[in-house]
C-alpha atoms as a PDB file:
ATOM      1  CA  MET A   1     135.127  52.529 117.401  1.00  0.00           C
ATOM      2  CA  SER A   2     135.333  53.674 113.789  1.00  0.00           C
ATOM      3  CA  LYS A   3     136.201  57.338 113.276  1.00  0.00           C
ATOM      4  CA  THR A   4     136.005  59.662 110.301  1.00  0.00           C
ATOM      5  CA  VAL A   5     139.521  60.921 109.694  1.00  0.00           C
ATOM      6  CA  MET A   6     140.777  63.530 107.238  1.00  0.00           C
ATOM      7  CA  ILE A   7     144.457  63.481 106.324  1.00  0.00           C
ATOM      8  CA  THR A   8     146.126  66.230 104.296  1.00  0.00           C
ATOM      9  CA  GLY A   9     149.129  65.510 102.092  1.00  0.00           C
ATOM     10  CA  ALA A  10     148.033  61.911 101.595  1.00  0.00           C
ATOM     11  CA  GLY A  11     149.510  61.507  98.132  1.00  0.00           C
ATOM     12  CA  SER A  12     152.772  60.112  99.495  1.00  0.00           C
ATOM     13  CA  GLY A  13     154.877  59.535 102.590  1.00  0.00           C
ATOM     14  CA  PHE A  14     153.384  59.576 106.075  1.00  0.00           C
ATOM     15  CA  GLY A  15     150.005  60.789 104.856  1.00  0.00           C
ATOM     16  CA  LYS A  16     149.550  57.961 102.411  1.00  0.00           C
ATOM     17  CA  GLY A  17     150.823  55.388 104.883  1.00  0.00           C
ATOM     18  CA  ALA A  18     148.507  56.592 107.641  1.00  0.00           C
ATOM     19  CA  SER A  19     145.515  56.691 105.283  1.00  0.00           C
ATOM     20  CA  LEU A  20     146.009  53.068 104.303  1.00  0.00           C
ATOM     21  CA  ALA A  21     146.718  51.924 107.870  1.00  0.00           C
ATOM     22  CA  LEU A  22     143.666  53.666 109.336  1.00  0.00           C
ATOM     23  CA  ALA A  23     141.362  52.372 106.601  1.00  0.00           C
ATOM     24  CA  GLN A  24     142.643  48.854 107.234  1.00  0.00           C
ATOM     25  CA  ARG A  25     141.655  49.296 110.892  1.00  0.00           C
ATOM     26  CA  GLY A  26     138.091  50.174 109.910  1.00  0.00           C
ATOM     27  CA  HIS A  27     138.160  53.958 109.972  1.00  0.00           C
ATOM     28  CA  ALA A  28     136.501  56.089 107.306  1.00  0.00           C
ATOM     29  CA  VAL A  29     139.391  58.001 105.764  1.00  0.00           C
ATOM     30  CA  ILE A  30     139.192  61.130 103.634  1.00  0.00           C
ATOM     31  CA  ALA A  31     142.633  61.271 102.064  1.00  0.00           C
ATOM     32  CA  THR A  32     143.400  64.638 100.475  1.00  0.00           C
ATOM     33  CA  THR A  33     146.101  65.414  97.957  1.00  0.00           C
ATOM     34  CA  GLU A  34     147.640  68.568  96.556  1.00  0.00           C
ATOM     35  CA  THR A  35     146.975  67.710  92.897  1.00  0.00           C
ATOM     36  CA  GLU A  36     144.307  65.912  90.900  1.00  0.00           C
ATOM     37  CA  GLU A  37     147.017  63.678  89.435  1.00  0.00           C
ATOM     38  CA  GLN A  38     147.914  62.459  92.924  1.00  0.00           C
ATOM     39  CA  ALA A  39     144.239  61.988  93.722  1.00  0.00           C
ATOM     40  CA  ALA A  40     143.599  59.889  90.620  1.00  0.00           C
ATOM     41  CA  SER A  41     146.607  57.698  91.375  1.00  0.00           C
ATOM     42  CA  LEU A  42     145.566  57.133  94.996  1.00  0.00           C
ATOM     43  CA  ARG A  43     141.949  56.382  94.034  1.00  0.00           C
ATOM     44  CA  ALA A  44     143.144  53.716  91.618  1.00  0.00           C
ATOM     45  CA  GLU A  45     145.503  52.203  94.172  1.00  0.00           C
ATOM     46  CA  ALA A  46     143.248  52.370  97.241  1.00  0.00           C
ATOM     47  CA  PRO A  47     139.511  52.334  96.470  1.00  0.00           C
ATOM     48  CA  GLN A  48     138.823  51.844 100.188  1.00  0.00           C
ATOM     49  CA  LEU A  49     139.715  55.525 100.692  1.00  0.00           C
ATOM     50  CA  THR A  50     137.646  58.604  99.928  1.00  0.00           C
ATOM     51  CA  VAL A  51     140.165  60.669  97.984  1.00  0.00           C
ATOM     52  CA  GLU A  52     139.785  64.395  97.370  1.00  0.00           C
ATOM     53  CA  LYS A  53     142.048  66.902  95.669  1.00  0.00           C
ATOM     54  CA  LEU A  54     142.520  69.594  98.322  1.00  0.00           C
ATOM     55  CA  ASP A  55     145.389  72.053  98.005  1.00  0.00           C
ATOM     56  CA  ILE A  56     145.485  73.693 101.428  1.00  0.00           C
ATOM     57  CA  THR A  57     146.850  76.942  99.949  1.00  0.00           C
ATOM     58  CA  THR A  58     143.757  77.496  97.775  1.00  0.00           C
ATOM     59  CA  GLY A  59     139.985  77.778  97.951  1.00  0.00           C
ATOM     60  CA  ASP A  60     139.911  73.968  98.030  1.00  0.00           C
ATOM     61  CA  VAL A  61     139.990  74.354 101.811  1.00  0.00           C
ATOM     62  CA  ALA A  62     136.283  75.216 101.795  1.00  0.00           C
ATOM     63  CA  LYS A  63     135.501  71.583 100.954  1.00  0.00           C
ATOM     64  CA  ALA A  64     136.635  70.528 104.416  1.00  0.00           C
ATOM     65  CA  SER A  65     133.976  72.621 106.144  1.00  0.00           C
ATOM     66  CA  GLY A  66     131.321  70.265 104.794  1.00  0.00           C
ATOM     67  CA  TRP A  67     132.813  67.104 106.233  1.00  0.00           C
ATOM     68  CA  ASP A  68     131.767  65.743 109.636  1.00  0.00           C
ATOM     69  CA  LEU A  69     135.125  64.716 111.054  1.00  0.00           C
ATOM     70  CA  ASP A  70     136.271  63.113 114.256  1.00  0.00           C
ATOM     71  CA  VAL A  71     139.974  63.626 113.566  1.00  0.00           C
ATOM     72  CA  LEU A  72     141.973  65.986 111.360  1.00  0.00           C
ATOM     73  CA  ILE A  73     145.587  65.040 110.678  1.00  0.00           C
ATOM     74  CA  ASN A  74     147.470  68.074 109.362  1.00  0.00           C
ATOM     75  CA  ASN A  75     150.202  66.248 107.503  1.00  0.00           C
ATOM     76  CA  ALA A  76     150.682  68.329 104.325  1.00  0.00           C
ATOM     77  CA  GLY A  77     153.927  70.267 104.277  1.00  0.00           C
ATOM     78  CA  ALA A  78     156.775  71.666 102.219  1.00  0.00           C
ATOM     79  CA  GLY A  79     160.510  71.747 102.842  1.00  0.00           C
ATOM     80  CA  GLN A  80     163.295  74.172 101.993  1.00  0.00           C
ATOM     81  CA  THR A  81     166.858  74.609 103.204  1.00  0.00           C
ATOM     82  CA  GLY A  82     169.290  77.487 102.954  1.00  0.00           C
ATOM     83  CA  PRO A  83     171.145  79.940 105.205  1.00  0.00           C
ATOM     84  CA  MET A  84     168.996  82.763 106.525  1.00  0.00           C
ATOM     85  CA  ALA A  85     171.266  85.464 105.070  1.00  0.00           C
ATOM     86  CA  ASP A  86     170.767  84.163 101.529  1.00  0.00           C
ATOM     87  CA  ILE A  87     167.451  82.346 101.204  1.00  0.00           C
ATOM     88  CA  PRO A  88     165.195  83.956  98.574  1.00  0.00           C
ATOM     89  CA  ILE A  89     162.225  85.497 100.362  1.00  0.00           C
ATOM     90  CA  ASP A  90     159.741  84.012  97.891  1.00  0.00           C
ATOM     91  CA  ARG A  91     160.846  80.541  98.968  1.00  0.00           C
ATOM     92  CA  VAL A  92     160.260  81.418 102.615  1.00  0.00           C
ATOM     93  CA  ARG A  93     156.823  82.816 101.788  1.00  0.00           C
ATOM     94  CA  ARG A  94     155.937  79.585  99.982  1.00  0.00           C
ATOM     95  CA  LEU A  95     156.965  77.578 103.051  1.00  0.00           C
ATOM     96  CA  PHE A  96     154.748  79.660 105.309  1.00  0.00           C
ATOM     97  CA  ASP A  97     151.857  79.491 102.818  1.00  0.00           C
ATOM     98  CA  VAL A  98     151.855  75.707 103.003  1.00  0.00           C
ATOM     99  CA  ASN A  99     153.136  74.801 106.447  1.00  0.00           C
ATOM    100  CA  VAL A 100     151.550  77.565 108.501  1.00  0.00           C
ATOM    101  CA  PHE A 101     148.776  79.463 106.707  1.00  0.00           C
ATOM    102  CA  GLY A 102     147.456  76.413 104.840  1.00  0.00           C
ATOM    103  CA  THR A 103     147.489  74.294 107.979  1.00  0.00           C
ATOM    104  CA  LEU A 104     145.685  76.969 109.966  1.00  0.00           C
ATOM    105  CA  ALA A 105     143.130  77.520 107.183  1.00  0.00           C
ATOM    106  CA  VAL A 106     142.115  73.873 106.920  1.00  0.00           C
ATOM    107  CA  THR A 107     141.987  73.565 110.711  1.00  0.00           C
ATOM    108  CA  GLN A 108     139.704  76.575 110.958  1.00  0.00           C
ATOM    109  CA  ALA A 109     137.493  75.049 108.257  1.00  0.00           C
ATOM    110  CA  VAL A 110     136.803  71.847 110.214  1.00  0.00           C
ATOM    111  CA  LEU A 111     136.609  73.189 113.765  1.00  0.00           C
ATOM    112  CA  PRO A 112     133.075  74.641 113.719  1.00  0.00           C
ATOM    113  CA  ARG A 113     131.501  71.208 113.212  1.00  0.00           C
ATOM    114  CA  MET A 114     133.766  69.623 115.811  1.00  0.00           C
ATOM    115  CA  VAL A 115     132.929  72.314 118.363  1.00  0.00           C
ATOM    116  CA  ALA A 116     129.207  72.046 117.596  1.00  0.00           C
ATOM    117  CA  LYS A 117     129.207  68.374 118.568  1.00  0.00           C
ATOM    118  CA  GLY A 118     131.615  68.895 121.464  1.00  0.00           C
ATOM    119  CA  LYS A 119     134.338  66.483 120.408  1.00  0.00           C
ATOM    120  CA  GLY A 120     137.161  66.059 117.959  1.00  0.00           C
ATOM    121  CA  ARG A 121     140.910  65.856 117.590  1.00  0.00           C
ATOM    122  CA  VAL A 122     143.461  67.832 115.587  1.00  0.00           C
ATOM    123  CA  ILE A 123     146.890  66.300 115.048  1.00  0.00           C
ATOM    124  CA  ILE A 124     149.515  68.734 113.770  1.00  0.00           C
ATOM    125  CA  MET A 125     152.623  67.403 112.051  1.00  0.00           C
ATOM    126  CA  SER A 126     155.448  69.382 113.578  1.00  0.00           C
ATOM    127  CA  SER A 127     159.017  68.060 113.625  1.00  0.00           C
ATOM    128  CA  ILE A 128     162.133  67.892 115.714  1.00  0.00           C
ATOM    129  CA  ALA A 129     162.770  71.101 113.756  1.00  0.00           C
ATOM    130  CA  GLY A 130     159.865  72.614 115.674  1.00  0.00           C
ATOM    131  CA  VAL A 131     161.867  72.616 118.903  1.00  0.00           C
ATOM    132  CA  MET A 132     165.399  73.171 117.572  1.00  0.00           C
ATOM    133  CA  SER A 133     167.072  74.734 114.553  1.00  0.00           C
ATOM    134  CA  ALA A 134     170.219  73.702 112.698  1.00  0.00           C
ATOM    135  CA  PRO A 135     172.430  75.412 110.110  1.00  0.00           C
ATOM    136  CA  ALA A 136     170.713  75.598 106.697  1.00  0.00           C
ATOM    137  CA  PHE A 137     167.431  74.321 108.135  1.00  0.00           C
ATOM    138  CA  GLY A 138     166.317  77.673 109.538  1.00  0.00           C
ATOM    139  CA  PRO A 139     163.575  78.362 106.958  1.00  0.00           C
ATOM    140  CA  TYR A 140     161.866  75.022 107.617  1.00  0.00           C
ATOM    141  CA  SER A 141     162.367  75.354 111.373  1.00  0.00           C
ATOM    142  CA  MET A 142     160.730  78.796 111.322  1.00  0.00           C
ATOM    143  CA  THR A 143     157.515  77.283 110.004  1.00  0.00           C
ATOM    144  CA  LYS A 144     157.571  74.352 112.400  1.00  0.00           C
ATOM    145  CA  HIS A 145     158.203  76.679 115.341  1.00  0.00           C
ATOM    146  CA  ALA A 146     155.100  78.576 114.207  1.00  0.00           C
ATOM    147  CA  LEU A 147     153.099  75.331 114.188  1.00  0.00           C
ATOM    148  CA  GLU A 148     154.313  74.642 117.713  1.00  0.00           C
ATOM    149  CA  ALA A 149     152.819  77.962 118.824  1.00  0.00           C
ATOM    150  CA  MET A 150     149.608  77.221 116.948  1.00  0.00           C
ATOM    151  CA  GLY A 151     149.241  73.758 118.444  1.00  0.00           C
ATOM    152  CA  LYS A 152     150.013  74.787 122.011  1.00  0.00           C
ATOM    153  CA  SER A 153     147.597  77.711 121.881  1.00  0.00           C
ATOM    154  CA  MET A 154     144.815  75.653 120.314  1.00  0.00           C
ATOM    155  CA  ARG A 155     145.290  72.823 122.803  1.00  0.00           C
ATOM    156  CA  ASN A 156     144.557  75.229 125.658  1.00  0.00           C
ATOM    157  CA  GLU A 157     141.882  77.216 123.842  1.00  0.00           C
ATOM    158  CA  LEU A 158     139.813  74.250 122.660  1.00  0.00           C
ATOM    159  CA  SER A 159     140.150  71.649 125.396  1.00  0.00           C
ATOM    160  CA  GLY A 160     137.174  73.073 127.265  1.00  0.00           C
ATOM    161  CA  GLN A 161     135.011  72.517 124.175  1.00  0.00           C
ATOM    162  CA  GLY A 162     135.941  68.867 123.841  1.00  0.00           C
ATOM    163  CA  ILE A 163     138.614  69.310 121.167  1.00  0.00           C
ATOM    164  CA  ASP A 164     141.981  67.630 121.706  1.00  0.00           C
ATOM    165  CA  VAL A 165     144.963  69.161 119.874  1.00  0.00           C
ATOM    166  CA  CYS A 166     148.407  67.569 119.817  1.00  0.00           C
ATOM    167  CA  LEU A 167     151.743  67.878 118.028  1.00  0.00           C
ATOM    168  CA  LEU A 168     153.638  65.059 116.334  1.00  0.00           C
ATOM    169  CA  ASN A 169     157.411  65.584 116.208  1.00  0.00           C
ATOM    170  CA  PRO A 170     159.299  63.113 114.022  1.00  0.00           C
ATOM    171  CA  GLY A 171     162.993  63.125 113.317  1.00  0.00           C
ATOM    172  CA  PRO A 172     164.304  62.260 109.835  1.00  0.00           C
ATOM    173  CA  PHE A 173     162.488  59.344 108.193  1.00  0.00           C
ATOM    174  CA  LEU A 174     162.984  57.840 104.762  1.00  0.00           C
ATOM    175  CA  THR A 175     160.002  59.129 102.782  1.00  0.00           C
ATOM    176  CA  GLY A 176     161.992  61.174 100.253  1.00  0.00           C
ATOM    177  CA  PHE A 177     160.858  64.438 101.858  1.00  0.00           C
ATOM    178  CA  ASN A 178     164.073  65.034 103.791  1.00  0.00           C
ATOM    179  CA  ASP A 179     166.260  64.215 100.795  1.00  0.00           C
ATOM    180  CA  ARG A 180     164.411  66.732  98.611  1.00  0.00           C
ATOM    181  CA  MET A 181     164.549  69.365 101.346  1.00  0.00           C
ATOM    182  CA  ALA A 182     168.243  68.832 102.060  1.00  0.00           C
ATOM    183  CA  ASP A 183     169.052  69.203  98.353  1.00  0.00           C
ATOM    184  CA  SER A 184     166.772  72.187  97.719  1.00  0.00           C
ATOM    185  CA  MET A 185     169.208  74.940  98.659  1.00  0.00           C
ATOM    186  CA  TRP A 186     171.686  73.796  96.040  1.00  0.00           C
ATOM    187  CA  GLU A 187     169.227  74.854  93.347  1.00  0.00           C
ATOM    188  CA  TRP A 188     170.174  78.493  94.023  1.00  0.00           C
ATOM    189  CA  PHE A 189     173.023  78.667  96.569  1.00  0.00           C
ATOM    190  CA  GLY A 190     176.485  79.386  95.134  1.00  0.00           C
ATOM    191  CA  ASP A 191     179.871  81.010  95.529  1.00  0.00           C
ATOM    192  CA  ASP A 192     178.399  84.519  95.483  1.00  0.00           C
ATOM    193  CA  ALA A 193     176.263  83.883  98.576  1.00  0.00           C
ATOM    194  CA  VAL A 194     176.822  85.817 101.801  1.00  0.00           C
ATOM    195  CA  ASN A 195     177.301  82.483 103.578  1.00  0.00           C
ATOM    196  CA  ALA A 196     179.432  80.881 100.866  1.00  0.00           C
ATOM    197  CA  GLY A 197     182.280  80.530 103.355  1.00  0.00           C
ATOM    198  CA  SER A 198     180.181  78.082 105.363  1.00  0.00           C
ATOM    199  CA  THR A 199     179.547  75.754 102.419  1.00  0.00           C
ATOM    200  CA  PRO A 200     181.350  72.790 104.068  1.00  0.00           C
ATOM    201  CA  LEU A 201     179.068  73.123 107.107  1.00  0.00           C
ATOM    202  CA  PHE A 202     175.956  73.134 104.917  1.00  0.00           C
ATOM    203  CA  GLU A 203     177.193  70.106 102.989  1.00  0.00           C
ATOM    204  CA  MET A 204     177.784  68.292 106.277  1.00  0.00           C
ATOM    205  CA  MET A 205     174.239  69.098 107.424  1.00  0.00           C
ATOM    206  CA  ARG A 206     172.819  67.872 104.116  1.00  0.00           C
ATOM    207  CA  ASP A 207     174.636  64.568 104.413  1.00  0.00           C
ATOM    208  CA  PHE A 208     173.772  64.194 108.110  1.00  0.00           C
ATOM    209  CA  VAL A 209     170.037  64.513 107.457  1.00  0.00           C
ATOM    210  CA  LYS A 210     170.036  62.219 104.427  1.00  0.00           C
ATOM    211  CA  ASN A 211     171.926  59.404 106.149  1.00  0.00           C
ATOM    212  CA  ASP A 212     170.519  56.970 108.733  1.00  0.00           C
ATOM    213  CA  GLN A 213     166.861  57.903 108.270  1.00  0.00           C
ATOM    214  CA  GLY A 214     164.246  55.834 110.048  1.00  0.00           C
ATOM    215  CA  ASP A 215     161.498  53.547 108.807  1.00  0.00           C
ATOM    216  CA  PRO A 216     158.385  55.658 108.058  1.00  0.00           C
ATOM    217  CA  ALA A 217     156.214  52.876 109.479  1.00  0.00           C
ATOM    218  CA  GLU A 218     157.229  54.055 112.955  1.00  0.00           C
ATOM    219  CA  VAL A 219     155.627  57.457 112.352  1.00  0.00           C
ATOM    220  CA  VAL A 220     152.584  55.919 110.662  1.00  0.00           C
ATOM    221  CA  ASP A 221     152.068  53.727 113.723  1.00  0.00           C
ATOM    222  CA  LYS A 222     152.179  56.825 115.931  1.00  0.00           C
ATOM    223  CA  MET A 223     149.646  58.594 113.717  1.00  0.00           C
ATOM    224  CA  VAL A 224     147.310  55.619 114.124  1.00  0.00           C
ATOM    225  CA  GLU A 225     147.901  55.565 117.883  1.00  0.00           C
ATOM    226  CA  LEU A 226     147.142  59.276 118.241  1.00  0.00           C
ATOM    227  CA  THR A 227     143.988  58.922 116.145  1.00  0.00           C
ATOM    228  CA  GLU A 228     142.611  56.148 118.326  1.00  0.00           C
ATOM    229  CA  ALA A 229     143.854  57.255 121.761  1.00  0.00           C
ATOM    230  CA  GLU A 230     141.441  58.394 124.461  1.00  0.00           C
ATOM    231  CA  THR A 231     143.755  61.285 125.320  1.00  0.00           C
ATOM    232  CA  THR A 232     147.059  62.634 123.995  1.00  0.00           C
ATOM    233  CA  GLU A 233     150.183  64.344 125.218  1.00  0.00           C
ATOM    234  CA  GLU A 234     150.990  67.788 123.847  1.00  0.00           C
ATOM    235  CA  HIS A 235     154.213  66.579 122.177  1.00  0.00           C
ATOM    236  CA  ASN A 236     154.798  63.171 120.621  1.00  0.00           C
ATOM    237  CA  PHE A 237     158.386  62.579 119.558  1.00  0.00           C
ATOM    238  CA  VAL A 238     159.242  59.776 117.139  1.00  0.00           C
ATOM    239  CA  PRO A 239     161.436  57.993 117.938  1.00  0.00           C
ATOM    240  CA  PRO A 240     160.978  58.597 121.686  1.00  0.00           C
ATOM    241  CA  GLU A 241     164.775  58.740 122.062  1.00  0.00           C
ATOM    242  CA  LEU A 242     164.657  62.231 120.548  1.00  0.00           C
ATOM    243  CA  VAL A 243     163.645  63.525 123.964  1.00  0.00           C
ATOM    244  CA  ALA A 244     167.000  62.453 125.403  1.00  0.00           C
ATOM    245  CA  PHE A 245     168.787  63.902 122.360  1.00  0.00           C
ATOM    246  CA  LEU A 246     167.089  67.234 123.068  1.00  0.00           C
ATOM    247  CA  GLY A 247     168.226  67.122 126.682  1.00  0.00           C
ATOM    248  CA  GLY A 248     164.915  65.989 128.125  1.00  0.00           C
END
């Protein structure tokens, strides 16, 4: 059965891939992008999509309250690395503005219509970083841990009103996002940092994340599966082997 699906952060990566895959399967997709430039490019490339510029950190979010959705995929996100003792606070605030406050704002905007009709689904893009934290990846993990709390609470709060909420937890996949995030701390981190003595460790973590990334199609397939499924599990790790890596 065709569903109306809104996907945030659809200008690239998982969001773009899922938008195209779901439209190909007959769903009505509202693909939202952070900038008008991204929106114009996606409209030209994929006229089968309804494309809207919707920056989840701005008043754009109000647009979503007017759409009658079956599924919201909260895919938009930002990345930033750096040791907790040194990371500029404004960079952490920006991460929370996008990953946490923006995600919550757009979710709140669409829920009244879902609740009114007694059905709907919210898929929240968490990460393996939502259930663990590694050196230099603390700032990003903080935001994903917050999304874990949001998703778990909402799943219990809304299930009785017909709303299914689930978390999607991918590892590193080759969309360019992880590479940009892994490199981001080197824009400001230097020899005068409190954690300068751990530079070799941070370089190792950067290289570890950037190497051996997976095919994004695997995550896109999971996004499609979760959109169409009758029911979902609370957590959805991609690849599934991550569960064993995390000790079950």
